[in-house]
Every structure is written in C-alpha cells, then in structure tokens.
Protein backbone atom coordinates (compact mmCIF):
# COMPACT_ATOMS: atom_id res chain seq x y z
CA MET A 1 45.60 105.81 2.63
CA ARG A 2 46.70 109.17 2.12
CA LEU A 3 50.82 109.76 2.38
CA PRO A 4 51.80 112.94 4.01
CA VAL A 5 53.48 114.42 1.12
CA PRO A 6 53.28 118.54 0.98
CA GLY A 7 50.98 120.04 -1.63
CA PRO A 8 50.87 123.71 -3.12
CA ARG A 9 48.80 124.73 -0.43
CA ASP A 10 50.91 122.99 2.40
CA VAL A 11 53.67 125.23 0.87
CA LEU A 12 52.24 128.78 1.05
CA SER A 13 50.53 128.22 4.57
CA ALA A 14 54.37 127.12 5.48
CA LEU A 15 55.79 130.35 3.88
CA GLU A 16 52.74 132.72 5.49
CA ARG A 17 53.63 130.83 8.77
CA GLY A 18 57.46 131.70 8.74
CA GLY A 19 60.85 130.37 8.35
CA GLU A 20 60.19 127.42 10.54
CA GLN A 21 57.28 125.62 8.83
CA VAL A 22 60.42 126.16 5.90
CA GLU A 23 62.51 123.90 7.55
CA ALA A 24 60.04 121.41 8.60
CA LEU A 25 58.38 121.42 4.83
CA LEU A 26 62.16 121.11 3.28
CA GLY A 27 62.80 118.30 6.41
CA ALA A 28 60.11 116.80 5.05
CA VAL A 29 61.30 116.62 1.00
CA PRO A 30 63.85 113.51 1.67
CA ARG A 31 61.19 111.84 3.84
CA VAL A 32 58.93 112.83 0.37
CA LEU A 33 61.68 111.16 -2.11
CA SER A 34 61.89 107.98 0.44
CA LEU A 35 58.29 106.89 -0.04
CA LEU A 36 58.76 107.54 -3.57
CA ASP A 37 61.32 104.67 -3.76
CA GLN A 38 59.16 102.83 -1.67
CA ALA A 39 56.55 103.52 -4.07
CA GLU A 40 58.33 102.60 -7.00
CA ALA A 41 59.54 99.65 -5.04
CA LEU A 42 55.91 98.47 -4.71
CA VAL A 43 54.95 99.26 -7.71
CA ALA A 44 57.81 96.74 -9.25
CA ARG A 45 56.92 94.25 -7.20
CA ALA A 46 53.11 94.26 -8.25
CA ALA A 47 54.27 94.54 -11.63
CA GLY A 48 56.43 91.57 -10.80
CA ILE A 49 52.82 89.69 -8.60
CA VAL A 50 50.85 91.03 -11.97
CA ASP A 51 53.40 88.73 -14.54
CA ARG A 52 53.44 85.95 -12.14
CA VAL A 53 49.51 86.16 -12.10
CA ASP A 54 49.59 85.89 -15.56
CA ALA A 55 51.94 83.57 -16.20
CA VAL A 56 49.93 81.35 -13.65
CA ALA A 57 46.70 82.33 -15.14
CA ASP A 58 48.21 80.88 -19.29
CA ALA A 59 49.33 77.68 -17.23
CA ALA A 60 46.31 77.47 -15.18
CA THR A 61 44.62 77.99 -19.10
CA ALA A 62 46.89 75.57 -20.64
CA GLU A 63 46.03 73.17 -17.63
CA VAL A 64 42.23 73.21 -18.48
CA VAL A 65 42.57 73.04 -22.06
CA ARG A 66 44.73 69.65 -21.06
CA VAL A 67 42.42 68.22 -18.99
CA GLY A 68 39.56 69.10 -21.29
CA ALA A 69 41.07 67.48 -23.55
CA VAL A 70 41.05 64.42 -20.82
CA VAL A 71 38.17 64.96 -20.38
CA ASP A 72 37.13 64.52 -24.15
CA ALA A 73 39.10 61.61 -23.91
CA ALA A 74 37.80 59.81 -21.16
CA THR A 75 34.70 61.03 -23.16
CA ALA A 76 35.17 58.82 -25.57
CA GLU A 77 36.60 55.90 -23.54
CA VAL A 78 33.22 56.06 -21.40
CA VAL A 79 31.03 55.95 -24.99
CA ARG A 80 33.50 52.69 -26.00
CA VAL A 81 33.24 51.31 -22.70
CA GLY A 82 29.54 51.67 -22.98
CA ALA A 83 29.65 50.21 -26.33
CA VAL A 84 31.93 47.18 -25.03
CA VAL A 85 29.62 46.77 -21.94
CA ASP A 86 26.39 46.50 -24.31
CA ALA A 87 28.12 43.99 -26.43
CA ALA A 88 28.73 42.26 -23.71
CA THR A 89 25.48 42.55 -22.07
CA ALA A 90 23.99 41.17 -25.76
CA GLU A 91 26.42 38.14 -25.56
CA VAL A 92 25.76 37.55 -21.76
CA ALA A 93 22.15 37.29 -23.06
CA ARG A 94 22.93 34.74 -26.03
CA VAL A 95 25.08 33.00 -23.78
CA GLY A 96 22.33 32.59 -21.42
CA GLY A 97 19.91 32.17 -24.22
CA VAL A 98 21.92 28.93 -25.08
CA VAL A 99 22.46 27.38 -21.63
CA ASP A 100 18.59 27.55 -20.97
CA ALA A 101 18.38 25.80 -24.18
CA ALA A 102 21.09 23.39 -22.86
CA ALA A 103 19.18 23.15 -19.91
CA THR A 104 16.24 22.11 -21.68
CA GLN A 105 18.23 19.61 -23.66
CA ILE A 106 19.52 18.09 -20.65
CA GLY A 107 16.34 17.78 -19.46
CA ARG A 108 14.82 16.17 -22.24
CA ALA A 109 18.52 14.23 -22.41
CA ASP A 110 17.18 13.17 -18.76
CA ALA A 111 14.01 11.69 -19.75
CA VAL A 112 15.03 10.10 -22.50
CA LEU A 113 17.79 8.33 -20.24
CA GLY A 114 15.57 7.72 -17.74
CA ASP A 115 13.41 5.96 -20.57
CA VAL A 116 15.73 4.32 -21.60
CA GLY A 117 16.94 2.68 -18.36
CA VAL A 118 13.25 1.73 -18.18
CA GLN A 119 13.26 -0.24 -21.41
CA VAL A 120 16.73 -1.40 -20.27
CA GLY A 121 15.38 -2.40 -17.01
CA ARG A 122 12.17 -4.40 -18.62
CA ALA A 123 14.98 -5.97 -21.56
CA ALA A 124 16.97 -7.21 -18.51
CA VAL A 125 13.79 -8.79 -17.36
CA LEU A 126 12.93 -10.92 -20.39
CA ILE A 127 16.03 -12.01 -20.95
CA ASP A 128 16.14 -13.32 -17.52
CA LEU A 129 12.58 -14.71 -18.39
CA LEU A 130 13.60 -16.22 -21.17
CA GLU A 131 17.10 -17.41 -20.88
CA PRO A 132 16.51 -20.70 -19.50
CA SER A 133 13.74 -21.13 -22.93
CA LEU A 134 16.89 -20.19 -25.22
CA THR A 135 19.36 -22.25 -23.20
CA THR A 136 17.17 -25.33 -23.69
CA LEU A 137 16.38 -24.30 -27.63
CA GLU A 138 19.71 -23.28 -28.21
CA PRO A 139 21.68 -27.10 -29.80
CA THR A 140 18.46 -26.86 -31.86
CA LEU A 141 19.14 -23.49 -33.05
CA ARG A 142 22.64 -24.35 -33.76
CA THR A 143 21.23 -27.52 -35.68
CA LEU A 144 18.75 -25.67 -37.78
CA ALA A 145 21.32 -22.99 -38.01
CA ASP A 146 23.96 -25.82 -39.42
CA THR A 147 21.83 -27.65 -41.73
CA THR A 148 19.48 -24.65 -43.28
CA HIS A 149 20.22 -23.53 -46.50
CA PRO A 150 20.30 -19.68 -48.32
CA GLU A 151 18.28 -21.35 -50.89
CA GLU A 152 15.71 -22.43 -48.35
CA VAL A 153 15.75 -19.40 -46.49
CA ALA A 154 15.09 -17.44 -49.71
CA ALA A 155 11.96 -19.80 -50.13
CA LEU A 156 11.08 -19.11 -46.60
CA VAL A 157 10.85 -15.71 -47.22
CA THR A 158 9.03 -15.94 -50.51
CA LEU A 159 6.63 -18.31 -48.81
CA ILE A 160 6.40 -15.19 -46.10
CA ASP A 161 6.04 -12.92 -48.78
CA HIS A 162 2.96 -14.67 -50.62
CA LEU A 163 0.94 -15.15 -47.14
CA PRO A 164 -1.09 -12.38 -47.63
CA ALA A 165 -2.42 -13.50 -51.01
CA VAL A 166 -2.79 -17.23 -49.11
CA THR A 167 -4.44 -16.15 -46.40
CA LEU A 168 -7.32 -14.09 -48.48
CA GLN A 169 -7.99 -17.02 -50.57
CA VAL A 170 -7.99 -19.36 -47.86
CA GLU A 171 -10.72 -16.30 -46.35
CA ARG A 172 -12.32 -15.97 -49.39
CA ASP A 173 -13.07 -19.26 -51.18
CA ILE A 174 -11.94 -22.37 -48.74
CA LEU A 175 -13.34 -21.15 -45.97
CA PRO A 176 -16.60 -20.82 -46.64
CA VAL A 177 -16.85 -23.94 -48.94
CA MET A 178 -15.47 -25.76 -45.19
CA ALA A 179 -18.61 -23.79 -43.95
CA SER A 180 -21.13 -25.61 -45.64
CA LEU A 181 -19.68 -28.97 -45.80
CA GLY A 182 -21.77 -29.31 -42.36
CA SER A 183 -24.78 -28.98 -45.13
CA VAL A 184 -23.62 -30.72 -48.10
CA ALA A 185 -22.70 -34.33 -45.74
CA PRO A 186 -26.44 -35.93 -45.55
CA ASP A 187 -27.04 -35.13 -49.50
CA LEU A 188 -23.62 -36.94 -50.02
CA HIS A 189 -24.31 -40.15 -47.98
CA GLU A 190 -28.06 -39.70 -49.66
CA LEU A 191 -26.74 -39.22 -53.31
CA LEU A 192 -24.41 -42.63 -52.24
CA ASP A 193 -27.54 -44.70 -50.88
CA VAL A 194 -29.20 -43.64 -54.30
CA SER A 195 -26.13 -44.93 -55.79
CA ARG A 196 -26.19 -48.34 -54.27
CA GLU A 197 -29.55 -48.98 -54.71
CA LEU A 198 -29.25 -47.89 -58.41
CA ASN A 199 -26.19 -50.51 -58.94
CA GLU A 200 -27.89 -53.14 -57.23
CA ILE A 201 -31.06 -52.48 -59.54
CA LEU A 202 -28.75 -52.27 -62.85
CA GLY A 203 -27.12 -55.79 -61.12
CA LYS A 204 -30.54 -57.74 -61.38
CA ILE A 205 -31.22 -57.05 -65.06
CA PRO A 206 -30.26 -59.41 -67.75
CA GLY A 207 -27.22 -59.14 -69.78
CA ILE A 208 -26.35 -56.13 -67.82
CA GLY A 209 -24.10 -58.20 -65.40
CA ARG A 210 -21.97 -59.29 -67.98
CA LEU A 211 -22.25 -55.41 -70.29
CA LYS A 212 -20.55 -54.20 -66.55
CA ARG A 213 -18.10 -56.90 -66.52
CA ARG A 214 -17.16 -55.80 -70.38
CA VAL A 215 -16.63 -52.10 -69.21
CA GLU A 216 -14.56 -53.06 -66.48
CA GLU A 217 -12.36 -54.98 -68.61
CA GLU A 218 -11.79 -52.37 -70.84
CA ASP A 219 -10.87 -50.22 -68.21
CA ASP A 220 -8.49 -52.74 -67.00
CA GLY A 221 -7.23 -52.89 -70.34
CA GLU A 222 -6.06 -49.45 -70.45
C-alpha cells in the first residue's frame, strides 16, 4: 500500500500550480509526520513480535531437544523392554517344556498307578483266596516258628544251596541206574537160582557139609 507522502515532483508541481497547492502541501506535512510515527510504532511492534517469535523459536528448539532426549530415552526403554520380553518369551518356552515334561511324567505316573491298582486288586483277590488256608495253617506255622532252631534253618539253607548239585548227580548217575533195573532184575533172579542150585549140588558132595559148617562156625566166632 502506497503512503500519501508528497514527493519532489509533487512539491514542484504544487509550486507551479500556485499558493493553494503549497498550503495544501504544507497541510499534508502533519499527516506525514503522523504516518511516520505510526510507521515507527509498527516497526517497534514488529520488532517485539520478531523478538517474541525468536523466543518462541528458541523455546520450541529447546522443547524439540528435550523431546528428542525423551524419544531417545523411550527408544532405549523400548529396547530394554524388548530384551525383557524376549527373555520372558524364552522363559515361557522353557516353562512350557517343563510343563510338557511334567505332563508326560504325570501320564506315566497315572499308568504306573493304574498298574499298581491292578496288582493290588489281584493281590487282594489272592489274599481272599488264601485266607482260609492261611487261617488253617496258622497254628502249624506258629509251632514251626517256635520249635525251629536257627541252626536248623542254617542247615536247611545249606541243603537248599546243595540241591542243584544233588539234582545234577541224581539225574546223571542214579536215574540211569534206576532206569536199567528193569532189565537187571531177571538176571538177578537167574543168578540167585543158579546160586541155590550150586549150593544144593555142593551139599551132596561128601565132606562139603562138614567144611561148610566149619566156615560158618569161624564166621560166628569172628
């Protein structure tokens, strides 16, 4: 916007036009001075506004720096939280593995308990079946416990220890002999018959009877 301030050409033009123009020009001088004052005031206000803008800019810059520091701290905190989350995730995975292993062990324990329950049930049935016999044998077992000496128990243990060797000898030596007795028995009977006939024949020979009596007397004397 152009200010209504007379220039050199306006002054020359006014001088050429006459006194009225000079008076009008002189009357415009106070207005020019007033406009200059207003311009100075505006310049002063503008300078103040610029100063305020500079202050606001400085404050904004400081605030941006502070916000940057806060952002850096927040970033570091996010990184730390990320590390904590990673560690927590790993720990959760490990706990999950432990839980899975525990579940497996619990399943095995349930299976074992089931087997134990079955065995206990069978034992209970067996006890129920054996209870009458055990009740009947109870006096005998008590008498056996009261009358059995520790040495007898040790001898029984020794006998049990020798049973494998005795069984081996019986199977190897005695059983074959007993199996052959069926074929030996007729031979023994025949041998006895022959011996009886031989005694009868010897008894008919003169002097054999007296010799036989002598041998029998000597045997009786011994």
